[in-house]
């Protein structure tokens, strides 16, 4: 069998490329060293619970076209990641920002930091 494209890796890029190429009438062969698609964002069902095999993943974009595209294949929840660190009972923003520097050292501007 002949293919137009050999795609190495079934992660996000390889999967999207293969899908779009096939939709354009191209023949694709996708190979991956893993036994599943989706690369590091692979999620498996374990007794009805979605388990992220390679750790939690958050997909984010402010590009409406990209958001609409990915929601054709799966339902994504709106989520804002707002991590904090607890150091000696005080909460600090992560990643560090001016609020963190203000709380830690009392500085107000980037120049002071």
PDB file of N, CA and C in Angstrom:
ATOM      1  N   UNK A   1       0.834  -1.178   0.000  1.00  0.00           N
ATOM      2  CA  UNK A   1       0.000   0.000   0.000  1.00  0.00           C
ATOM      3  C   UNK A   1       0.881   1.245   0.000  1.00  0.00           C
ATOM      4  N   UNK A   2       0.500   2.250  -0.718  1.00  0.00           N
ATOM      5  CA  UNK A   2       1.268   3.489  -0.788  1.00  0.00           C
ATOM      6  C   UNK A   2       0.582   4.582   0.015  1.00  0.00           C
ATOM      7  N   UNK A   3       1.404   5.412   0.637  1.00  0.00           N
ATOM      8  CA  UNK A   3       0.903   6.512   1.460  1.00  0.00           C
ATOM      9  C   UNK A   3       1.485   7.823   0.956  1.00  0.00           C
ATOM     10  N   UNK A   4       0.724   8.865   1.175  1.00  0.00           N
ATOM     11  CA  UNK A   4       1.219  10.209   0.869  1.00  0.00           C
ATOM     12  C   UNK A   4       2.114  10.719   1.992  1.00  0.00           C
ATOM     13  N   UNK A   5       1.792  10.322   3.226  1.00  0.00           N
ATOM     14  CA  UNK A   5       2.551  10.780   4.386  1.00  0.00           C
ATOM     15  C   UNK A   5       2.807   9.644   5.370  1.00  0.00           C
ATOM     16  N   UNK A   6       4.010   9.620   5.889  1.00  0.00           N
ATOM     17  CA  UNK A   6       4.351   8.779   7.029  1.00  0.00           C
ATOM     18  C   UNK A   6       4.460   9.735   8.211  1.00  0.00           C
ATOM     19  N   UNK A   7       3.629   9.533   9.211  1.00  0.00           N
ATOM     20  CA  UNK A   7       3.597  10.423  10.373  1.00  0.00           C
ATOM     21  C   UNK A   7       4.122   9.646  11.568  1.00  0.00           C
ATOM     22  N   UNK A   8       5.204  10.133  12.124  1.00  0.00           N
ATOM     23  CA  UNK A   8       5.836   9.475  13.258  1.00  0.00           C
ATOM     24  C   UNK A   8       5.397  10.195  14.523  1.00  0.00           C
ATOM     25  N   UNK A   9       4.564   9.512  15.304  1.00  0.00           N
ATOM     26  CA  UNK A   9       4.054  10.078  16.549  1.00  0.00           C
ATOM     27  C   UNK A   9       2.579  10.399  16.441  1.00  0.00           C
ATOM     28  N   UNK A  10       1.792   9.826  17.348  1.00  0.00           N
ATOM     29  CA  UNK A  10       0.343  10.024  17.349  1.00  0.00           C
ATOM     30  C   UNK A  10      -0.091  10.969  18.462  1.00  0.00           C
ATOM     31  N   UNK A  11       0.796  11.906  18.810  1.00  0.00           N
ATOM     32  CA  UNK A  11       0.446  12.931  19.784  1.00  0.00           C
ATOM     33  C   UNK A  11      -0.412  13.996  19.123  1.00  0.00           C
ATOM     34  N   UNK A  12      -0.471  15.169  19.734  1.00  0.00           N
ATOM     35  CA  UNK A  12      -1.333  16.228  19.204  1.00  0.00           C
ATOM     36  C   UNK A  12      -0.994  16.589  17.764  1.00  0.00           C
ATOM     37  N   UNK A  13       0.267  16.892  17.491  1.00  0.00           N
ATOM     38  CA  UNK A  13       0.617  17.326  16.145  1.00  0.00           C
ATOM     39  C   UNK A  13       0.364  16.221  15.128  1.00  0.00           C
ATOM     40  N   UNK A  14       0.877  15.027  15.403  1.00  0.00           N
ATOM     41  CA  UNK A  14       0.716  13.932  14.444  1.00  0.00           C
ATOM     42  C   UNK A  14      -0.737  13.585  14.197  1.00  0.00           C
ATOM     43  N   UNK A  15      -1.537  13.567  15.248  1.00  0.00           N
ATOM     44  CA  UNK A  15      -2.952  13.224  15.107  1.00  0.00           C
ATOM     45  C   UNK A  15      -3.712  14.279  14.306  1.00  0.00           C
ATOM     46  N   UNK A  16      -3.467  15.544  14.611  1.00  0.00           N
ATOM     47  CA  UNK A  16      -4.154  16.619  13.883  1.00  0.00           C
ATOM     48  C   UNK A  16      -3.709  16.626  12.429  1.00  0.00           C
ATOM     49  N   UNK A  17      -2.413  16.482  12.195  1.00  0.00           N
ATOM     50  CA  UNK A  17      -1.928  16.468  10.814  1.00  0.00           C
ATOM     51  C   UNK A  17      -2.559  15.319  10.038  1.00  0.00           C
ATOM     52  N   UNK A  18      -2.584  14.122  10.625  1.00  0.00           N
ATOM     53  CA  UNK A  18      -3.158  12.958   9.939  1.00  0.00           C
ATOM     54  C   UNK A  18      -4.645  13.171   9.653  1.00  0.00           C
ATOM     55  N   UNK A  19      -5.355  13.725  10.601  1.00  0.00           N
ATOM     56  CA  UNK A  19      -6.786  13.968  10.416  1.00  0.00           C
ATOM     57  C   UNK A  19      -7.025  14.950   9.269  1.00  0.00           C
ATOM     58  N   UNK A  20      -6.300  16.051   9.276  1.00  0.00           N
ATOM     59  CA  UNK A  20      -6.490  17.073   8.240  1.00  0.00           C
ATOM     60  C   UNK A  20      -6.035  16.573   6.870  1.00  0.00           C
ATOM     61  N   UNK A  21      -4.946  15.834   6.843  1.00  0.00           N
ATOM     62  CA  UNK A  21      -4.471  15.295   5.558  1.00  0.00           C
ATOM     63  C   UNK A  21      -5.479  14.292   4.999  1.00  0.00           C
ATOM     64  N   UNK A  22      -6.006  13.419   5.856  1.00  0.00           N
ATOM     65  CA  UNK A  22      -7.005  12.444   5.404  1.00  0.00           C
ATOM     66  C   UNK A  22      -8.268  13.148   4.913  1.00  0.00           C
ATOM     67  N   UNK A  23      -8.673  14.209   5.606  1.00  0.00           N
ATOM     68  CA  UNK A  23      -9.848  14.974   5.179  1.00  0.00           C
ATOM     69  C   UNK A  23      -9.619  15.620   3.814  1.00  0.00           C
ATOM     70  N   UNK A  24      -8.352  15.876   3.486  1.00  0.00           N
ATOM     71  CA  UNK A  24      -8.000  16.454   2.185  1.00  0.00           C
ATOM     72  C   UNK A  24      -7.749  15.375   1.130  1.00  0.00           C
ATOM     73  N   UNK A  25      -8.049  14.110   1.474  1.00  0.00           N
ATOM     74  CA  UNK A  25      -7.919  13.025   0.509  1.00  0.00           C
ATOM     75  C   UNK A  25      -6.564  12.357   0.459  1.00  0.00           C
ATOM     76  N   UNK A  26      -5.697  12.654   1.401  1.00  0.00           N
ATOM     77  CA  UNK A  26      -4.370  12.038   1.426  1.00  0.00           C
ATOM     78  C   UNK A  26      -4.408  10.745   2.243  1.00  0.00           C
ATOM     79  N   UNK A  27      -3.509   9.836   1.878  1.00  0.00           N
ATOM     80  CA  UNK A  27      -3.392   8.564   2.606  1.00  0.00           C
ATOM     81  C   UNK A  27      -2.242   8.701   3.591  1.00  0.00           C
ATOM     82  N   UNK A  28      -2.521   8.373   4.843  1.00  0.00           N
ATOM     83  CA  UNK A  28      -1.528   8.561   5.904  1.00  0.00           C
ATOM     84  C   UNK A  28      -1.284   7.256   6.643  1.00  0.00           C
ATOM     85  N   UNK A  29      -0.038   7.054   7.003  1.00  0.00           N
ATOM     86  CA  UNK A  29       0.328   5.971   7.907  1.00  0.00           C
ATOM     87  C   UNK A  29       0.906   6.636   9.149  1.00  0.00           C
ATOM     88  N   UNK A  30       0.259   6.388  10.292  1.00  0.00           N
ATOM     89  CA  UNK A  30       0.714   6.957  11.561  1.00  0.00           C
ATOM     90  C   UNK A  30       1.338   5.834  12.372  1.00  0.00           C
ATOM     91  N   UNK A  31       2.572   6.050  12.831  1.00  0.00           N
ATOM     92  CA  UNK A  31       3.220   5.062  13.687  1.00  0.00           C
ATOM     93  C   UNK A  31       3.613   5.740  14.995  1.00  0.00           C
ATOM     94  N   UNK A  32       3.632   4.971  16.052  1.00  0.00           N
ATOM     95  CA  UNK A  32       3.998   5.497  17.363  1.00  0.00           C
ATOM     96  C   UNK A  32       4.598   4.359  18.165  1.00  0.00           C
ATOM     97  N   UNK A  33       5.554   4.664  19.012  1.00  0.00           N
ATOM     98  CA  UNK A  33       6.171   3.626  19.836  1.00  0.00           C
ATOM     99  C   UNK A  33       5.234   3.161  20.945  1.00  0.00           C
ATOM    100  N   UNK A  34       4.247   3.989  21.269  1.00  0.00           N
ATOM    101  CA  UNK A  34       3.278   3.622  22.300  1.00  0.00           C
ATOM    102  C   UNK A  34       2.117   2.866  21.674  1.00  0.00           C
ATOM    103  N   UNK A  35       1.370   2.180  22.511  1.00  0.00           N
ATOM    104  CA  UNK A  35       0.254   1.378  22.022  1.00  0.00           C
ATOM    105  C   UNK A  35      -1.046   2.161  21.931  1.00  0.00           C
ATOM    106  N   UNK A  36      -0.980   3.480  22.082  1.00  0.00           N
ATOM    107  CA  UNK A  36      -2.187   4.306  22.075  1.00  0.00           C
ATOM    108  C   UNK A  36      -1.913   5.627  21.357  1.00  0.00           C
ATOM    109  N   UNK A  37      -3.005   6.314  21.011  1.00  0.00           N
ATOM    110  CA  UNK A  37      -2.886   7.643  20.414  1.00  0.00           C
ATOM    111  C   UNK A  37      -2.840   8.689  21.525  1.00  0.00           C
ATOM    112  N   UNK A  38      -2.621   9.944  21.157  1.00  0.00           N
ATOM    113  CA  UNK A  38      -2.722  11.120  22.033  1.00  0.00           C
ATOM    114  C   UNK A  38      -1.449  11.477  22.777  1.00  0.00           C
ATOM    115  N   UNK A  39      -0.375  10.741  22.595  1.00  0.00           N
ATOM    116  CA  UNK A  39       0.886  11.114  23.228  1.00  0.00           C
ATOM    117  C   UNK A  39       0.763  11.296  24.732  1.00  0.00           C
ATOM    118  N   UNK A  40       1.342  12.373  25.236  1.00  0.00           N
ATOM    119  CA  UNK A  40       1.357  12.606  26.680  1.00  0.00           C
ATOM    120  C   UNK A  40       0.020  13.053  27.245  1.00  0.00           C
ATOM    121  N   UNK A  41      -0.968  13.328  26.394  1.00  0.00           N
ATOM    122  CA  UNK A  41      -2.278  13.704  26.927  1.00  0.00           C
ATOM    123  C   UNK A  41      -3.263  12.537  26.907  1.00  0.00           C
ATOM    124  N   UNK A  42      -2.747  11.337  26.761  1.00  0.00           N
ATOM    125  CA  UNK A  42      -3.592  10.147  26.744  1.00  0.00           C
ATOM    126  C   UNK A  42      -4.305   9.968  28.083  1.00  0.00           C
ATOM    127  N   UNK A  43      -5.586   9.696  27.989  1.00  0.00           N
ATOM    128  CA  UNK A  43      -6.407   9.443  29.170  1.00  0.00           C
ATOM    129  C   UNK A  43      -7.071   8.085  28.995  1.00  0.00           C
ATOM    130  N   UNK A  44      -7.017   7.278  30.042  1.00  0.00           N
ATOM    131  CA  UNK A  44      -7.653   5.969  29.969  1.00  0.00           C
ATOM    132  C   UNK A  44      -8.747   5.865  31.020  1.00  0.00           C
ATOM    133  N   UNK A  45      -9.743   5.037  30.726  1.00  0.00           N
ATOM    134  CA  UNK A  45     -10.851   4.823  31.640  1.00  0.00           C
ATOM    135  C   UNK A  45     -10.486   3.681  32.589  1.00  0.00           C
ATOM    136  N   UNK A  46     -10.492   3.984  33.877  1.00  0.00           N
ATOM    137  CA  UNK A  46     -10.231   2.968  34.896  1.00  0.00           C
ATOM    138  C   UNK A  46     -11.442   2.930  35.821  1.00  0.00           C
ATOM    139  N   UNK A  47     -12.284   1.922  35.615  1.00  0.00           N
ATOM    140  CA  UNK A  47     -13.499   1.751  36.420  1.00  0.00           C
ATOM    141  C   UNK A  47     -14.354   3.009  36.424  1.00  0.00           C
ATOM    142  N   UNK A  48     -14.492   3.622  35.233  1.00  0.00           N
ATOM    143  CA  UNK A  48     -15.335   4.799  35.089  1.00  0.00           C
ATOM    144  C   UNK A  48     -14.672   6.111  35.449  1.00  0.00           C
ATOM    145  N   UNK A  49     -13.387   6.084  35.777  1.00  0.00           N
ATOM    146  CA  UNK A  49     -12.658   7.291  36.142  1.00  0.00           C
ATOM    147  C   UNK A  49     -11.635   7.582  35.050  1.00  0.00           C
ATOM    148  N   UNK A  50     -11.631   8.828  34.550  1.00  0.00           N
ATOM    149  CA  UNK A  50     -10.651   9.237  33.543  1.00  0.00           C
ATOM    150  C   UNK A  50      -9.312   9.447  34.233  1.00  0.00           C
ATOM    151  N   UNK A  51      -8.334   8.610  33.897  1.00  0.00           N
ATOM    152  CA  UNK A  51      -7.011   8.675  34.506  1.00  0.00           C
ATOM    153  C   UNK A  51      -6.018   9.170  33.464  1.00  0.00           C
ATOM    154  N   UNK A  52      -5.317  10.236  33.787  1.00  0.00           N
ATOM    155  CA  UNK A  52      -4.322  10.819  32.893  1.00  0.00           C
ATOM    156  C   UNK A  52      -3.018  10.057  33.124  1.00  0.00           C
ATOM    157  N   UNK A  53      -2.695   9.156  32.214  1.00  0.00           N
ATOM    158  CA  UNK A  53      -1.564   8.248  32.402  1.00  0.00           C
ATOM    159  C   UNK A  53      -0.242   8.980  32.639  1.00  0.00           C
ATOM    160  N   UNK A  54      -0.032  10.106  31.971  1.00  0.00           N
ATOM    161  CA  UNK A  54       1.256  10.802  32.066  1.00  0.00           C
ATOM    162  C   UNK A  54       1.170  12.080  32.895  1.00  0.00           C
ATOM    163  N   UNK A  55       0.155  12.182  33.728  1.00  0.00           N
ATOM    164  CA  UNK A  55      -0.018  13.376  34.561  1.00  0.00           C
ATOM    165  C   UNK A  55      -1.112  14.269  34.004  1.00  0.00           C
ATOM    166  N   UNK A  56      -1.617  15.114  34.852  1.00  0.00           N
ATOM    167  CA  UNK A  56      -2.709  16.002  34.466  1.00  0.00           C
ATOM    168  C   UNK A  56      -2.286  16.918  33.321  1.00  0.00           C
ATOM    169  N   UNK A  57      -3.243  17.255  32.488  1.00  0.00           N
ATOM    170  CA  UNK A  57      -2.967  18.145  31.372  1.00  0.00           C
ATOM    171  C   UNK A  57      -4.083  19.176  31.262  1.00  0.00           C
ATOM    172  N   UNK A  58      -3.679  20.365  30.902  1.00  0.00           N
ATOM    173  CA  UNK A  58      -4.618  21.463  30.740  1.00  0.00           C
ATOM    174  C   UNK A  58      -4.423  22.021  29.335  1.00  0.00           C
ATOM    175  N   UNK A  59      -5.489  22.037  28.560  1.00  0.00           N
ATOM    176  CA  UNK A  59      -5.431  22.634  27.232  1.00  0.00           C
ATOM    177  C   UNK A  59      -6.002  24.041  27.348  1.00  0.00           C
ATOM    178  N   UNK A  60      -5.253  25.024  26.893  1.00  0.00           N
ATOM    179  CA  UNK A  60      -5.764  26.390  26.933  1.00  0.00           C
ATOM    180  C   UNK A  60      -5.374  27.136  25.672  1.00  0.00           C
ATOM    181  N   UNK A  61      -6.293  27.985  25.242  1.00  0.00           N
ATOM    182  CA  UNK A  61      -6.045  28.846  24.096  1.00  0.00           C
ATOM    183  C   UNK A  61      -7.026  30.008  24.159  1.00  0.00           C
ATOM    184  N   UNK A  62      -6.625  31.133  23.625  1.00  0.00           N
ATOM    185  CA  UNK A  62      -7.566  32.241  23.489  1.00  0.00           C
ATOM    186  C   UNK A  62      -7.956  32.418  22.025  1.00  0.00           C
ATOM    187  N   UNK A  63      -7.617  31.422  21.207  1.00  0.00           N
ATOM    188  CA  UNK A  63      -7.927  31.443  19.790  1.00  0.00           C
ATOM    189  C   UNK A  63      -9.247  30.696  19.567  1.00  0.00           C
ATOM    190  N   UNK A  64     -10.311  31.432  19.218  1.00  0.00           N
ATOM    191  CA  UNK A  64     -11.634  30.826  19.061  1.00  0.00           C
ATOM    192  C   UNK A  64     -11.645  29.724  18.017  1.00  0.00           C
ATOM    193  N   UNK A  65     -10.913  29.924  16.929  1.00  0.00           N
ATOM    194  CA  UNK A  65     -10.878  28.908  15.868  1.00  0.00           C
ATOM    195  C   UNK A  65     -10.285  27.595  16.398  1.00  0.00           C
ATOM    196  N   UNK A  66      -9.212  27.684  17.160  1.00  0.00           N
ATOM    197  CA  UNK A  66      -8.594  26.489  17.744  1.00  0.00           C
ATOM    198  C   UNK A  66      -9.552  25.858  18.759  1.00  0.00           C
ATOM    199  N   UNK A  67     -10.170  26.682  19.611  1.00  0.00           N
ATOM    200  CA  UNK A  67     -11.111  26.173  20.613  1.00  0.00           C
ATOM    201  C   UNK A  67     -12.270  25.432  19.945  1.00  0.00           C
ATOM    202  N   UNK A  68     -12.831  26.018  18.903  1.00  0.00           N
ATOM    203  CA  UNK A  68     -13.939  25.373  18.193  1.00  0.00           C
ATOM    204  C   UNK A  68     -13.478  24.078  17.527  1.00  0.00           C
ATOM    205  N   UNK A  69     -12.260  24.067  17.007  1.00  0.00           N
ATOM    206  CA  UNK A  69     -11.725  22.862  16.351  1.00  0.00           C
ATOM    207  C   UNK A  69     -11.609  21.707  17.346  1.00  0.00           C
ATOM    208  N   UNK A  70     -10.960  21.929  18.480  1.00  0.00           N
ATOM    209  CA  UNK A  70     -10.745  20.825  19.417  1.00  0.00           C
ATOM    210  C   UNK A  70     -12.056  20.352  20.033  1.00  0.00           C
ATOM    211  N   UNK A  71     -13.026  21.239  20.162  1.00  0.00           N
ATOM    212  CA  UNK A  71     -14.314  20.847  20.728  1.00  0.00           C
ATOM    213  C   UNK A  71     -15.165  20.046  19.755  1.00  0.00           C
ATOM    214  N   UNK A  72     -14.692  19.883  18.523  1.00  0.00           N
ATOM    215  CA  UNK A  72     -15.351  18.965  17.584  1.00  0.00           C
ATOM    216  C   UNK A  72     -15.100  17.515  17.988  1.00  0.00           C
ATOM    217  N   UNK A  73     -14.018  17.269  18.716  1.00  0.00           N
ATOM    218  CA  UNK A  73     -13.597  15.907  19.012  1.00  0.00           C
ATOM    219  C   UNK A  73     -13.820  15.500  20.470  1.00  0.00           C
ATOM    220  N   UNK A  74     -13.889  16.473  21.345  1.00  0.00           N
ATOM    221  CA  UNK A  74     -14.078  16.191  22.775  1.00  0.00           C
ATOM    222  C   UNK A  74     -14.648  17.441  23.428  1.00  0.00           C
ATOM    223  N   UNK A  75     -15.293  17.243  24.551  1.00  0.00           N
ATOM    224  CA  UNK A  75     -15.825  18.376  25.295  1.00  0.00           C
ATOM    225  C   UNK A  75     -14.772  18.837  26.295  1.00  0.00           C
ATOM    226  N   UNK A  76     -14.424  20.102  26.208  1.00  0.00           N
ATOM    227  CA  UNK A  76     -13.442  20.679  27.118  1.00  0.00           C
ATOM    228  C   UNK A  76     -14.156  21.583  28.108  1.00  0.00           C
ATOM    229  N   UNK A  77     -13.707  21.569  29.330  1.00  0.00           N
ATOM    230  CA  UNK A  77     -14.250  22.440  30.362  1.00  0.00           C
ATOM    231  C   UNK A  77     -13.415  23.709  30.437  1.00  0.00           C
ATOM    232  N   UNK A  78     -14.068  24.824  30.710  1.00  0.00           N
ATOM    233  CA  UNK A  78     -13.362  26.078  30.950  1.00  0.00           C
ATOM    234  C   UNK A  78     -12.635  25.929  32.283  1.00  0.00           C
ATOM    235  N   UNK A  79     -11.370  26.241  32.315  1.00  0.00           N
ATOM    236  CA  UNK A  79     -10.582  26.086  33.536  1.00  0.00           C
ATOM    237  C   UNK A  79      -9.477  27.123  33.548  1.00  0.00           C
ATOM    238  N   UNK A  80      -9.302  27.764  34.687  1.00  0.00           N
ATOM    239  CA  UNK A  80      -8.201  28.689  34.868  1.00  0.00           C
ATOM    240  C   UNK A  80      -7.295  28.117  35.942  1.00  0.00           C
ATOM    241  N   UNK A  81      -6.056  27.880  35.594  1.00  0.00           N
ATOM    242  CA  UNK A  81      -5.085  27.328  36.525  1.00  0.00           C
ATOM    243  C   UNK A  81      -4.523  28.467  37.375  1.00  0.00           C
ATOM    244  N   UNK A  82      -4.734  28.393  38.688  1.00  0.00           N
ATOM    245  CA  UNK A  82      -4.268  29.451  39.600  1.00  0.00           C
ATOM    246  C   UNK A  82      -3.521  28.826  40.775  1.00  0.00           C
ATOM    247  N   UNK A  83      -2.331  28.288  40.528  1.00  0.00           N
ATOM    248  CA  UNK A  83      -1.609  27.627  41.614  1.00  0.00           C
ATOM    249  C   UNK A  83      -1.048  28.619  42.628  1.00  0.00           C
ATOM    250  N   UNK A  84      -0.964  28.166  43.854  1.00  0.00           N
ATOM    251  CA  UNK A  84      -0.356  28.953  44.924  1.00  0.00           C
ATOM    252  C   UNK A  84       0.574  28.037  45.710  1.00  0.00           C
ATOM    253  N   UNK A  85       1.531  28.660  46.392  1.00  0.00           N
ATOM    254  CA  UNK A  85       2.443  27.921  47.266  1.00  0.00           C
ATOM    255  C   UNK A  85       2.180  28.374  48.691  1.00  0.00           C
ATOM    256  N   UNK A  86       2.220  27.429  49.608  1.00  0.00           N
ATOM    257  CA  UNK A  86       2.066  27.746  51.027  1.00  0.00           C
ATOM    258  C   UNK A  86       3.456  27.696  51.644  1.00  0.00           C
ATOM    259  N   UNK A  87       3.955  28.856  52.040  1.00  0.00           N
ATOM    260  CA  UNK A  87       5.270  28.939  52.660  1.00  0.00           C
ATOM    261  C   UNK A  87       5.095  29.560  54.033  1.00  0.00           C
ATOM    262  N   UNK A  88       5.343  28.747  55.068  1.00  0.00           N
ATOM    263  CA  UNK A  88       5.226  29.185  56.459  1.00  0.00           C
ATOM    264  C   UNK A  88       3.859  29.810  56.739  1.00  0.00           C
ATOM    265  N   UNK A  89       2.806  29.171  56.196  1.00  0.00           N
ATOM    266  CA  UNK A  89       1.443  29.604  56.452  1.00  0.00           C
ATOM    267  C   UNK A  89       0.967  30.768  55.602  1.00  0.00           C
ATOM    268  N   UNK A  90       1.810  31.281  54.725  1.00  0.00           N
ATOM    269  CA  UNK A  90       1.439  32.392  53.838  1.00  0.00           C
ATOM    270  C   UNK A  90       1.294  31.849  52.423  1.00  0.00           C
ATOM    271  N   UNK A  91       0.250  32.272  51.700  1.00  0.00           N
ATOM    272  CA  UNK A  91       0.031  31.820  50.332  1.00  0.00           C
ATOM    273  C   UNK A  91       0.661  32.799  49.346  1.00  0.00           C
ATOM    274  N   UNK A  92       1.371  32.233  48.347  1.00  0.00           N
ATOM    275  CA  UNK A  92       2.047  33.026  47.326  1.00  0.00           C
ATOM    276  C   UNK A  92       1.619  32.537  45.943  1.00  0.00           C
ATOM    277  N   UNK A  93       1.420  33.502  45.014  1.00  0.00           N
ATOM    278  CA  UNK A  93       1.061  33.161  43.641  1.00  0.00           C
ATOM    279  C   UNK A  93       2.195  32.424  42.942  1.00  0.00           C
ATOM    280  N   UNK A  94       1.836  31.457  42.115  1.00  0.00           N
ATOM    281  CA  UNK A  94       2.767  30.780  41.226  1.00  0.00           C
ATOM    282  C   UNK A  94       2.178  30.820  39.829  1.00  0.00           C
ATOM    283  N   UNK A  95       2.945  31.029  38.787  1.00  0.00           N
ATOM    284  CA  UNK A  95       4.346  31.429  38.889  1.00  0.00           C
ATOM    285  C   UNK A  95       4.451  32.806  39.537  1.00  0.00           C
ATOM    286  N   UNK A  96       5.667  33.128  39.979  1.00  0.00           N
ATOM    287  CA  UNK A  96       5.878  34.408  40.654  1.00  0.00           C
ATOM    288  C   UNK A  96       5.407  35.561  39.773  1.00  0.00           C
ATOM    289  N   UNK A  97       4.783  36.541  40.389  1.00  0.00           N
ATOM    290  CA  UNK A  97       4.388  37.760  39.702  1.00  0.00           C
ATOM    291  C   UNK A  97       4.571  38.929  40.670  1.00  0.00           C
ATOM    292  N   UNK A  98       4.152  40.108  40.274  1.00  0.00           N
ATOM    293  CA  UNK A  98       4.368  41.272  41.146  1.00  0.00           C
ATOM    294  C   UNK A  98       3.631  41.130  42.474  1.00  0.00           C
ATOM    295  N   UNK A  99       2.494  40.468  42.486  1.00  0.00           N
ATOM    296  CA  UNK A  99       1.786  40.249  43.754  1.00  0.00           C
ATOM    297  C   UNK A  99       2.651  39.420  44.705  1.00  0.00           C
ATOM    298  N   UNK A 100       3.317  38.421  44.169  1.00  0.00           N
ATOM    299  CA  UNK A 100       4.209  37.591  44.979  1.00  0.00           C
ATOM    300  C   UNK A 100       5.340  38.437  45.552  1.00  0.00           C
ATOM    301  N   UNK A 101       5.962  39.253  44.707  1.00  0.00           N
ATOM    302  CA  UNK A 101       7.081  40.081  45.153  1.00  0.00           C
ATOM    303  C   UNK A 101       6.635  41.113  46.184  1.00  0.00           C
ATOM    304  N   UNK A 102       5.423  41.643  46.010  1.00  0.00           N
ATOM    305  CA  UNK A 102       4.895  42.607  46.979  1.00  0.00           C
ATOM    306  C   UNK A 102       4.707  41.942  48.336  1.00  0.00           C
ATOM    307  N   UNK A 103       4.136  40.733  48.334  1.00  0.00           N
ATOM    308  CA  UNK A 103       3.915  40.033  49.594  1.00  0.00           C
ATOM    309  C   UNK A 103       5.235  39.625  50.255  1.00  0.00           C
ATOM    310  N   UNK A 104       6.213  39.238  49.440  1.00  0.00           N
ATOM    311  CA  UNK A 104       7.471  38.743  50.004  1.00  0.00           C
ATOM    312  C   UNK A 104       8.392  39.870  50.458  1.00  0.00           C
ATOM    313  N   UNK A 105       8.504  40.920  49.625  1.00  0.00           N
ATOM    314  CA  UNK A 105       9.524  41.934  49.895  1.00  0.00           C
ATOM    315  C   UNK A 105       8.978  43.362  49.969  1.00  0.00           C
ATOM    316  N   UNK A 106       7.665  43.523  49.772  1.00  0.00           N
ATOM    317  CA  UNK A 106       7.076  44.850  49.870  1.00  0.00           C
ATOM    318  C   UNK A 106       7.367  45.758  48.684  1.00  0.00           C
ATOM    319  N   UNK A 107       7.838  45.208  47.585  1.00  0.00           N
ATOM    320  CA  UNK A 107       8.132  46.019  46.396  1.00  0.00           C
ATOM    321  C   UNK A 107       6.853  46.180  45.559  1.00  0.00           C
ATOM    322  N   UNK A 108       6.762  47.288  44.842  1.00  0.00           N
ATOM    323  CA  UNK A 108       5.546  47.593  44.082  1.00  0.00           C
ATOM    324  C   UNK A 108       5.774  47.553  42.576  1.00  0.00           C
ATOM    325  N   UNK A 109       6.972  47.868  42.117  1.00  0.00           N
ATOM    326  CA  UNK A 109       7.228  47.957  40.664  1.00  0.00           C
ATOM    327  C   UNK A 109       8.286  46.939  40.248  1.00  0.00           C
ATOM    328  N   UNK A 110       8.315  46.602  38.959  1.00  0.00           N
ATOM    329  CA  UNK A 110       9.371  45.711  38.470  1.00  0.00           C
ATOM    330  C   UNK A 110      10.772  46.268  38.743  1.00  0.00           C
ATOM    331  N   UNK A 111      10.929  47.571  38.636  1.00  0.00           N
ATOM    332  CA  UNK A 111      12.244  48.170  38.893  1.00  0.00           C
ATOM    333  C   UNK A 111      12.681  47.915  40.333  1.00  0.00           C
ATOM    334  N   UNK A 112      11.745  47.988  41.278  1.00  0.00           N
ATOM    335  CA  UNK A 112      12.080  47.720  42.682  1.00  0.00           C
ATOM    336  C   UNK A 112      12.432  46.247  42.893  1.00  0.00           C
ATOM    337  N   UNK A 113      11.749  45.378  42.172  1.00  0.00           N
ATOM    338  CA  UNK A 113      11.990  43.952  42.335  1.00  0.00           C
ATOM    339  C   UNK A 113      13.396  43.612  41.872  1.00  0.00           C
TER     340      UNK A 113
END
